[in-house]
Amino acid sequence: MNCIIVDDDLFYCKTLQSFCERLDLNLLGVYSDPVKAMSALTNNTDVDLVFLDIHMPDLSGFDILKSNPKLNVVISTMDETKAIEAFDYNVVDYLLKPVTLDRFIRAVNRAKERIGGGNETAETVITKTVVQEKAPREIYVNVNKRLVKIELDNIYLIEAKGDYILIKLLEGKNQVVHTTLKSIMAKLPENTFVRVHRSNVVNIKKIVDIEDSSILINGEVVPISKTYREDLLSKLNLIN
């Protein structure tokens, strides 16, 4: 994967450069000057991924995003207030400094999934293993233009509601989010959250009882489709 780094903080440029080397990414350039970075992006069509800071002199990261809407971009910043604005530009990921290696790996894997194609290298397999071992414990969802943190262990059921989903929680207020089941499942650990119906995803750790066509979870009866039943059973620790 061909990538560049655009950041006026030389310390973080070095950090991201070392991460790129450890993952065997092909680093085409490191730019502390956003104007030179803009010129490089205009003249180079081989860039697959850009690690981009937001606050820089002369041009901001958002200026670069506006001029290059088709770029695959991972934001790397100290500013936690710009996440919603960044995702309006369909960025791949939003990393808060100081960036850790495992968080960097997750961002790169998301970029690879978006770009698609190519055979899995040994490095890809290794990085996927690291991500699985350090699975996320929370997600952030956009609720009324606010990023709301939800602990994954607090979720027992997610229901599709037209253009929205309803996230049901063991504790606290349920959350309604404008997204799809497919989109949110891409952010969830696949061995914990399983689709059991076209409209329902469950946290298998919270299942109390399973019958032929239904699940009991947190006092609710949820239907199981035949289409998804086998996948659910394959993820349970069954004793026959």
C-alpha atoms as a PDB file:
ATOM      1  CA  MET A   1       0.000   0.000   0.000  1.00  0.00           C
ATOM      2  CA  ASN A   2       1.413   3.403  -1.049  1.00  0.00           C
ATOM      3  CA  CYS A   3       1.004   6.106   1.566  1.00  0.00           C
ATOM      4  CA  ILE A   4       2.182   9.577   2.562  1.00  0.00           C
ATOM      5  CA  ILE A   5       2.290  11.467   5.857  1.00  0.00           C
ATOM      6  CA  VAL A   6       1.225  15.116   6.088  1.00  0.00           C
ATOM      7  CA  ASP A   7       1.929  16.645   9.512  1.00  0.00           C
ATOM      8  CA  ASP A   8       3.806  19.760  10.628  1.00  0.00           C
ATOM      9  CA  ASP A   9       4.807  18.037  13.893  1.00  0.00           C
ATOM     10  CA  LEU A  10       8.120  16.351  13.078  1.00  0.00           C
ATOM     11  CA  PHE A  11       7.981  14.148  16.181  1.00  0.00           C
ATOM     12  CA  TYR A  12       4.723  12.541  15.086  1.00  0.00           C
ATOM     13  CA  CYS A  13       5.979  12.292  11.524  1.00  0.00           C
ATOM     14  CA  LYS A  14       8.807  10.125  12.863  1.00  0.00           C
ATOM     15  CA  THR A  15       6.378   8.071  14.929  1.00  0.00           C
ATOM     16  CA  LEU A  16       4.055   7.374  11.994  1.00  0.00           C
ATOM     17  CA  GLN A  17       7.036   6.722   9.713  1.00  0.00           C
ATOM     18  CA  SER A  18       8.308   4.029  12.090  1.00  0.00           C
ATOM     19  CA  PHE A  19       4.839   2.455  12.223  1.00  0.00           C
ATOM     20  CA  CYS A  20       4.689   2.390   8.415  1.00  0.00           C
ATOM     21  CA  GLU A  21       8.065   0.666   8.294  1.00  0.00           C
ATOM     22  CA  ARG A  22       6.989  -1.961  10.836  1.00  0.00           C
ATOM     23  CA  LEU A  23       3.923  -2.794   8.734  1.00  0.00           C
ATOM     24  CA  ASP A  24       5.948  -2.758   5.507  1.00  0.00           C
ATOM     25  CA  LEU A  25       3.868   0.045   3.976  1.00  0.00           C
ATOM     26  CA  ASN A  26       5.398   1.807   0.975  1.00  0.00           C
ATOM     27  CA  LEU A  27       5.960   5.350   2.243  1.00  0.00           C
ATOM     28  CA  LEU A  28       6.138   7.685  -0.768  1.00  0.00           C
ATOM     29  CA  GLY A  29       6.783  10.864   1.200  1.00  0.00           C
ATOM     30  CA  VAL A  30       6.621  12.738   4.502  1.00  0.00           C
ATOM     31  CA  TYR A  31       5.453  16.367   4.306  1.00  0.00           C
ATOM     32  CA  SER A  32       5.591  18.951   7.078  1.00  0.00           C
ATOM     33  CA  ASP A  33       4.480  21.615   4.572  1.00  0.00           C
ATOM     34  CA  PRO A  34       0.813  21.107   3.582  1.00  0.00           C
ATOM     35  CA  VAL A  35       1.241  23.214   0.427  1.00  0.00           C
ATOM     36  CA  LYS A  36       3.943  20.861  -0.861  1.00  0.00           C
ATOM     37  CA  ALA A  37       1.762  17.915   0.150  1.00  0.00           C
ATOM     38  CA  MET A  38      -1.135  19.329  -1.873  1.00  0.00           C
ATOM     39  CA  SER A  39       1.123  19.647  -4.909  1.00  0.00           C
ATOM     40  CA  ALA A  40       2.403  16.094  -4.465  1.00  0.00           C
ATOM     41  CA  LEU A  41      -1.120  14.714  -4.273  1.00  0.00           C
ATOM     42  CA  THR A  42      -2.096  16.591  -7.409  1.00  0.00           C
ATOM     43  CA  ASN A  43       0.821  15.141  -9.372  1.00  0.00           C
ATOM     44  CA  ASN A  44       0.865  11.612  -7.930  1.00  0.00           C
ATOM     45  CA  THR A  45      -2.061   9.291  -8.593  1.00  0.00           C
ATOM     46  CA  ASP A  46      -0.399   6.283  -6.936  1.00  0.00           C
ATOM     47  CA  VAL A  47      -1.168   7.333  -3.349  1.00  0.00           C
ATOM     48  CA  ASP A  48      -3.475   4.806  -1.680  1.00  0.00           C
ATOM     49  CA  LEU A  49      -3.611   6.294   1.809  1.00  0.00           C
ATOM     50  CA  VAL A  50      -2.813   9.615   3.489  1.00  0.00           C
ATOM     51  CA  PHE A  51      -2.101  10.104   7.196  1.00  0.00           C
ATOM     52  CA  LEU A  52      -3.214  13.691   7.664  1.00  0.00           C
ATOM     53  CA  ASP A  53      -3.043  16.227  10.492  1.00  0.00           C
ATOM     54  CA  ILE A  54      -5.834  18.817  10.764  1.00  0.00           C
ATOM     55  CA  HIS A  55      -4.206  21.947  12.190  1.00  0.00           C
ATOM     56  CA  MET A  56      -1.311  23.118  10.035  1.00  0.00           C
ATOM     57  CA  PRO A  57      -0.101  26.524   8.802  1.00  0.00           C
ATOM     58  CA  ASP A  58      -1.301  27.938   5.446  1.00  0.00           C
ATOM     59  CA  LEU A  59      -3.547  24.944   4.677  1.00  0.00           C
ATOM     60  CA  SER A  60      -5.559  22.827   7.105  1.00  0.00           C
ATOM     61  CA  GLY A  61      -6.207  19.126   6.744  1.00  0.00           C
ATOM     62  CA  PHE A  62      -9.786  19.973   5.801  1.00  0.00           C
ATOM     63  CA  ASP A  63      -8.529  22.167   2.933  1.00  0.00           C
ATOM     64  CA  ILE A  64      -6.672  19.157   1.581  1.00  0.00           C
ATOM     65  CA  LEU A  65      -9.737  16.937   2.030  1.00  0.00           C
ATOM     66  CA  LYS A  66     -11.936  19.420   0.162  1.00  0.00           C
ATOM     67  CA  SER A  67      -9.509  19.510  -2.758  1.00  0.00           C
ATOM     68  CA  ASN A  68      -9.085  15.727  -2.870  1.00  0.00           C
ATOM     69  CA  PRO A  69     -12.489  14.201  -2.012  1.00  0.00           C
ATOM     70  CA  LYS A  70     -11.568  10.738  -3.345  1.00  0.00           C
ATOM     71  CA  LEU A  71      -8.529  10.290  -1.101  1.00  0.00           C
ATOM     72  CA  ASN A  72      -8.426   7.526   1.491  1.00  0.00           C
ATOM     73  CA  VAL A  73      -7.464   9.503   4.578  1.00  0.00           C
ATOM     74  CA  VAL A  74      -6.675   8.640   8.186  1.00  0.00           C
ATOM     75  CA  ILE A  75      -6.785  11.742  10.378  1.00  0.00           C
ATOM     76  CA  SER A  76      -4.084  11.990  13.054  1.00  0.00           C
ATOM     77  CA  THR A  77      -4.617  14.894  15.457  1.00  0.00           C
ATOM     78  CA  MET A  78      -4.688  16.131  19.046  1.00  0.00           C
ATOM     79  CA  ASP A  79      -8.073  17.785  18.412  1.00  0.00           C
ATOM     80  CA  GLU A  80     -10.881  15.499  19.582  1.00  0.00           C
ATOM     81  CA  THR A  81     -13.585  18.044  18.640  1.00  0.00           C
ATOM     82  CA  LYS A  82     -13.377  17.606  14.847  1.00  0.00           C
ATOM     83  CA  ALA A  83     -14.315  13.936  14.523  1.00  0.00           C
ATOM     84  CA  ILE A  84     -17.877  14.476  13.274  1.00  0.00           C
ATOM     85  CA  GLU A  85     -16.707  17.046  10.711  1.00  0.00           C
ATOM     86  CA  ALA A  86     -13.963  14.685   9.564  1.00  0.00           C
ATOM     87  CA  PHE A  87     -16.334  11.767   9.031  1.00  0.00           C
ATOM     88  CA  ASP A  88     -18.509  14.061   6.896  1.00  0.00           C
ATOM     89  CA  TYR A  89     -15.594  13.803   4.444  1.00  0.00           C
ATOM     90  CA  ASN A  90     -15.791   9.991   4.644  1.00  0.00           C
ATOM     91  CA  VAL A  91     -12.344   9.596   6.204  1.00  0.00           C
ATOM     92  CA  VAL A  92     -11.177   6.050   6.899  1.00  0.00           C
ATOM     93  CA  ASP A  93     -10.408   6.651  10.581  1.00  0.00           C
ATOM     94  CA  TYR A  94      -9.773   9.365  13.171  1.00  0.00           C
ATOM     95  CA  LEU A  95      -6.729   8.857  15.416  1.00  0.00           C
ATOM     96  CA  LEU A  96      -6.045  10.942  18.503  1.00  0.00           C
ATOM     97  CA  LYS A  97      -2.426  11.676  19.346  1.00  0.00           C
ATOM     98  CA  PRO A  98      -0.423  10.135  20.875  1.00  0.00           C
ATOM     99  CA  VAL A  99      -1.100   7.328  18.388  1.00  0.00           C
ATOM    100  CA  THR A 100      -0.373   3.780  19.550  1.00  0.00           C
ATOM    101  CA  LEU A 101       0.778   1.000  17.252  1.00  0.00           C
ATOM    102  CA  ASP A 102      -2.281  -1.198  17.798  1.00  0.00           C
ATOM    103  CA  ARG A 103      -4.612   1.735  17.009  1.00  0.00           C
ATOM    104  CA  PHE A 104      -2.541   2.535  13.916  1.00  0.00           C
ATOM    105  CA  ILE A 105      -2.831  -1.105  12.786  1.00  0.00           C
ATOM    106  CA  ARG A 106      -6.627  -0.994  13.086  1.00  0.00           C
ATOM    107  CA  ALA A 107      -6.723   2.141  10.930  1.00  0.00           C
ATOM    108  CA  VAL A 108      -4.519   0.526   8.268  1.00  0.00           C
ATOM    109  CA  ASN A 109      -6.699  -2.598   8.211  1.00  0.00           C
ATOM    110  CA  ARG A 110      -9.800  -0.445   7.737  1.00  0.00           C
ATOM    111  CA  ALA A 111      -8.067   1.269   4.830  1.00  0.00           C
ATOM    112  CA  LYS A 112      -7.177  -2.101   3.281  1.00  0.00           C
ATOM    113  CA  GLU A 113     -10.794  -3.239   3.579  1.00  0.00           C
ATOM    114  CA  ARG A 114     -11.996  -0.045   1.884  1.00  0.00           C
ATOM    115  CA  ILE A 115      -9.443  -0.184  -0.913  1.00  0.00           C
ATOM    116  CA  GLY A 116      -9.922  -3.937  -1.367  1.00  0.00           C
ATOM    117  CA  GLY A 117      -8.156  -6.311  -3.734  1.00  0.00           C
ATOM    118  CA  GLY A 118      -4.781  -7.993  -3.434  1.00  0.00           C
ATOM    119  CA  ASN A 119      -3.743 -11.173  -1.658  1.00  0.00           C
ATOM    120  CA  GLU A 120      -3.170 -11.244   2.074  1.00  0.00           C
ATOM    121  CA  THR A 121       0.493 -10.909   2.925  1.00  0.00           C
ATOM    122  CA  ALA A 122       2.101 -12.355   6.029  1.00  0.00           C
ATOM    123  CA  GLU A 123       2.113  -8.837   7.475  1.00  0.00           C
ATOM    124  CA  THR A 124      -1.644  -8.530   6.963  1.00  0.00           C
ATOM    125  CA  VAL A 125      -2.287 -11.805   8.758  1.00  0.00           C
ATOM    126  CA  ILE A 126      -0.071 -10.743  11.656  1.00  0.00           C
ATOM    127  CA  THR A 127      -1.728  -7.369  12.015  1.00  0.00           C
ATOM    128  CA  LYS A 128      -5.193  -8.904  11.943  1.00  0.00           C
ATOM    129  CA  THR A 129      -4.150 -11.224  14.751  1.00  0.00           C
ATOM    130  CA  VAL A 130      -2.945  -8.288  16.833  1.00  0.00           C
ATOM    131  CA  VAL A 131      -6.229  -6.471  16.293  1.00  0.00           C
ATOM    132  CA  GLN A 132      -8.254  -9.525  17.324  1.00  0.00           C
ATOM    133  CA  GLU A 133      -6.191  -9.926  20.484  1.00  0.00           C
ATOM    134  CA  LYS A 134      -6.759  -6.278  21.333  1.00  0.00           C
ATOM    135  CA  ALA A 135     -10.388  -6.039  20.289  1.00  0.00           C
ATOM    136  CA  PRO A 136     -12.111  -2.696  20.919  1.00  0.00           C
ATOM    137  CA  ARG A 137     -14.060  -2.382  24.145  1.00  0.00           C
ATOM    138  CA  GLU A 138     -16.216   0.528  23.047  1.00  0.00           C
ATOM    139  CA  ILE A 139     -17.644   2.301  20.031  1.00  0.00           C
ATOM    140  CA  TYR A 140     -18.541   5.932  19.429  1.00  0.00           C
ATOM    141  CA  VAL A 141     -21.829   6.694  17.696  1.00  0.00           C
ATOM    142  CA  ASN A 142     -23.154   9.939  16.253  1.00  0.00           C
ATOM    143  CA  VAL A 143     -26.284  10.936  18.174  1.00  0.00           C
ATOM    144  CA  ASN A 144     -27.688  14.401  17.415  1.00  0.00           C
ATOM    145  CA  LYS A 145     -24.263  15.619  16.254  1.00  0.00           C
ATOM    146  CA  ARG A 146     -22.561  14.334  19.424  1.00  0.00           C
ATOM    147  CA  LEU A 147     -20.162  11.409  19.633  1.00  0.00           C
ATOM    148  CA  VAL A 148     -21.532   9.113  22.348  1.00  0.00           C
ATOM    149  CA  LYS A 149     -19.311   6.421  23.819  1.00  0.00           C
ATOM    150  CA  ILE A 150     -20.922   2.999  24.314  1.00  0.00           C
ATOM    151  CA  GLU A 151     -19.192   0.128  26.097  1.00  0.00           C
ATOM    152  CA  LEU A 152     -19.569  -3.011  23.972  1.00  0.00           C
ATOM    153  CA  ASP A 153     -20.222  -5.164  27.030  1.00  0.00           C
ATOM    154  CA  ASN A 154     -23.251  -2.966  27.801  1.00  0.00           C
ATOM    155  CA  ILE A 155     -24.941  -3.788  24.460  1.00  0.00           C
ATOM    156  CA  TYR A 156     -27.208  -6.821  24.342  1.00  0.00           C
ATOM    157  CA  LEU A 157     -29.252  -6.210  21.178  1.00  0.00           C
ATOM    158  CA  ILE A 158     -29.171  -4.038  18.054  1.00  0.00           C
ATOM    159  CA  GLU A 159     -32.344  -3.675  15.991  1.00  0.00           C
ATOM    160  CA  ALA A 160     -32.816  -2.248  12.494  1.00  0.00           C
ATOM    161  CA  LYS A 161     -35.444   0.490  12.324  1.00  0.00           C
ATOM    162  CA  GLY A 162     -35.684   1.646   8.707  1.00  0.00           C
ATOM    163  CA  ASP A 163     -32.814   4.082   8.119  1.00  0.00           C
ATOM    164  CA  TYR A 164     -31.855   3.873  11.794  1.00  0.00           C
ATOM    165  CA  ILE A 165     -30.719   1.290  14.306  1.00  0.00           C
ATOM    166  CA  LEU A 166     -31.741   0.953  17.950  1.00  0.00           C
ATOM    167  CA  ILE A 167     -28.890  -0.018  20.279  1.00  0.00           C
ATOM    168  CA  LYS A 168     -30.325  -1.635  23.412  1.00  0.00           C
ATOM    169  CA  LEU A 169     -28.256  -1.369  26.564  1.00  0.00           C
ATOM    170  CA  LEU A 170     -28.207  -3.285  29.829  1.00  0.00           C
ATOM    171  CA  GLU A 171     -27.655  -0.022  31.687  1.00  0.00           C
ATOM    172  CA  GLY A 172     -28.459   3.533  30.648  1.00  0.00           C
ATOM    173  CA  LYS A 173     -30.525   4.987  27.832  1.00  0.00           C
ATOM    174  CA  ASN A 174     -30.946   3.061  24.568  1.00  0.00           C
ATOM    175  CA  GLN A 175     -29.493   4.907  21.583  1.00  0.00           C
ATOM    176  CA  VAL A 176     -30.998   5.549  18.146  1.00  0.00           C
ATOM    177  CA  VAL A 177     -28.361   6.015  15.427  1.00  0.00           C
ATOM    178  CA  HIS A 178     -28.714   6.923  11.753  1.00  0.00           C
ATOM    179  CA  THR A 179     -26.849   3.992  10.169  1.00  0.00           C
ATOM    180  CA  THR A 180     -27.361   0.391   9.047  1.00  0.00           C
ATOM    181  CA  LEU A 181     -26.777  -2.985  10.696  1.00  0.00           C
ATOM    182  CA  LYS A 182     -24.137  -3.760   8.077  1.00  0.00           C
ATOM    183  CA  SER A 183     -22.208  -0.584   8.877  1.00  0.00           C
ATOM    184  CA  ILE A 184     -22.186  -1.031  12.628  1.00  0.00           C
ATOM    185  CA  MET A 185     -21.329  -4.737  12.401  1.00  0.00           C
ATOM    186  CA  ALA A 186     -18.140  -3.769  10.570  1.00  0.00           C
ATOM    187  CA  LYS A 187     -17.066  -2.003  13.780  1.00  0.00           C
ATOM    188  CA  LEU A 188     -18.001  -4.825  16.181  1.00  0.00           C
ATOM    189  CA  PRO A 189     -16.065  -7.981  17.186  1.00  0.00           C
ATOM    190  CA  GLU A 190     -17.482 -10.686  14.923  1.00  0.00           C
ATOM    191  CA  ASN A 191     -17.130 -13.440  17.517  1.00  0.00           C
ATOM    192  CA  THR A 192     -19.243 -11.509  20.027  1.00  0.00           C
ATOM    193  CA  PHE A 193     -21.902  -9.762  17.949  1.00  0.00           C
ATOM    194  CA  VAL A 194     -23.821 -12.069  15.625  1.00  0.00           C
ATOM    195  CA  ARG A 195     -26.668 -11.425  13.230  1.00  0.00           C
ATOM    196  CA  VAL A 196     -29.614 -13.723  14.019  1.00  0.00           C
ATOM    197  CA  HIS A 197     -32.277 -12.112  11.832  1.00  0.00           C
ATOM    198  CA  ARG A 198     -32.350  -9.550   9.031  1.00  0.00           C
ATOM    199  CA  SER A 199     -33.358  -6.977  11.663  1.00  0.00           C
ATOM    200  CA  ASN A 200     -31.421  -8.135  14.747  1.00  0.00           C
ATOM    201  CA  VAL A 201     -27.845  -8.481  15.974  1.00  0.00           C
ATOM    202  CA  VAL A 202     -27.198  -9.943  19.434  1.00  0.00           C
ATOM    203  CA  ASN A 203     -24.321  -9.992  21.880  1.00  0.00           C
ATOM    204  CA  ILE A 204     -23.880 -13.752  22.311  1.00  0.00           C
ATOM    205  CA  LYS A 205     -22.386 -13.248  25.786  1.00  0.00           C
ATOM    206  CA  LYS A 206     -25.806 -12.016  26.960  1.00  0.00           C
ATOM    207  CA  ILE A 207     -27.909 -14.896  25.599  1.00  0.00           C
ATOM    208  CA  VAL A 208     -29.812 -16.742  28.341  1.00  0.00           C
ATOM    209  CA  ASP A 209     -31.641 -19.427  26.349  1.00  0.00           C
ATOM    210  CA  ILE A 210     -31.980 -20.621  22.739  1.00  0.00           C
ATOM    211  CA  GLU A 211     -34.930 -22.477  21.255  1.00  0.00           C
ATOM    212  CA  ASP A 212     -35.610 -23.577  17.684  1.00  0.00           C
ATOM    213  CA  SER A 213     -36.656 -20.169  16.404  1.00  0.00           C
ATOM    214  CA  SER A 214     -36.004 -17.720  19.230  1.00  0.00           C
ATOM    215  CA  ILE A 215     -33.475 -16.422  21.747  1.00  0.00           C
ATOM    216  CA  LEU A 216     -34.047 -15.177  25.276  1.00  0.00           C
ATOM    217  CA  ILE A 217     -31.785 -12.234  25.990  1.00  0.00           C
ATOM    218  CA  ASN A 218     -32.162  -9.759  28.857  1.00  0.00           C
ATOM    219  CA  GLY A 219     -35.803 -10.748  29.285  1.00  0.00           C
ATOM    220  CA  GLU A 220     -36.634 -10.253  25.580  1.00  0.00           C
ATOM    221  CA  VAL A 221     -37.541 -12.934  23.059  1.00  0.00           C
ATOM    222  CA  VAL A 222     -35.703 -12.358  19.763  1.00  0.00           C
ATOM    223  CA  PRO A 223     -36.433 -14.415  16.616  1.00  0.00           C
ATOM    224  CA  ILE A 224     -33.736 -16.481  14.871  1.00  0.00           C
ATOM    225  CA  SER A 225     -33.891 -16.960  11.113  1.00  0.00           C
ATOM    226  CA  LYS A 226     -32.860 -20.320   9.674  1.00  0.00           C
ATOM    227  CA  THR A 227     -30.413 -18.385   7.510  1.00  0.00           C
ATOM    228  CA  TYR A 228     -28.414 -17.232  10.552  1.00  0.00           C
ATOM    229  CA  ARG A 229     -28.974 -20.052  13.040  1.00  0.00           C
ATOM    230  CA  GLU A 230     -25.990 -22.168  11.947  1.00  0.00           C
ATOM    231  CA  ASP A 231     -23.610 -19.212  12.150  1.00  0.00           C
ATOM    232  CA  LEU A 232     -24.841 -18.409  15.658  1.00  0.00           C
ATOM    233  CA  LEU A 233     -24.371 -21.992  16.873  1.00  0.00           C
ATOM    234  CA  SER A 234     -20.859 -22.136  15.397  1.00  0.00           C
ATOM    235  CA  LYS A 235     -19.814 -19.242  17.629  1.00  0.00           C
ATOM    236  CA  LEU A 236     -21.173 -20.747  20.871  1.00  0.00           C
ATOM    237  CA  ASN A 237     -19.171 -22.892  23.252  1.00  0.00           C
ATOM    238  CA  LEU A 238     -21.428 -25.928  22.881  1.00  0.00           C
ATOM    239  CA  ILE A 239     -21.252 -29.147  24.886  1.00  0.00           C
ATOM    240  CA  ASN A 240     -23.024 -31.928  22.995  1.00  0.00           C
END
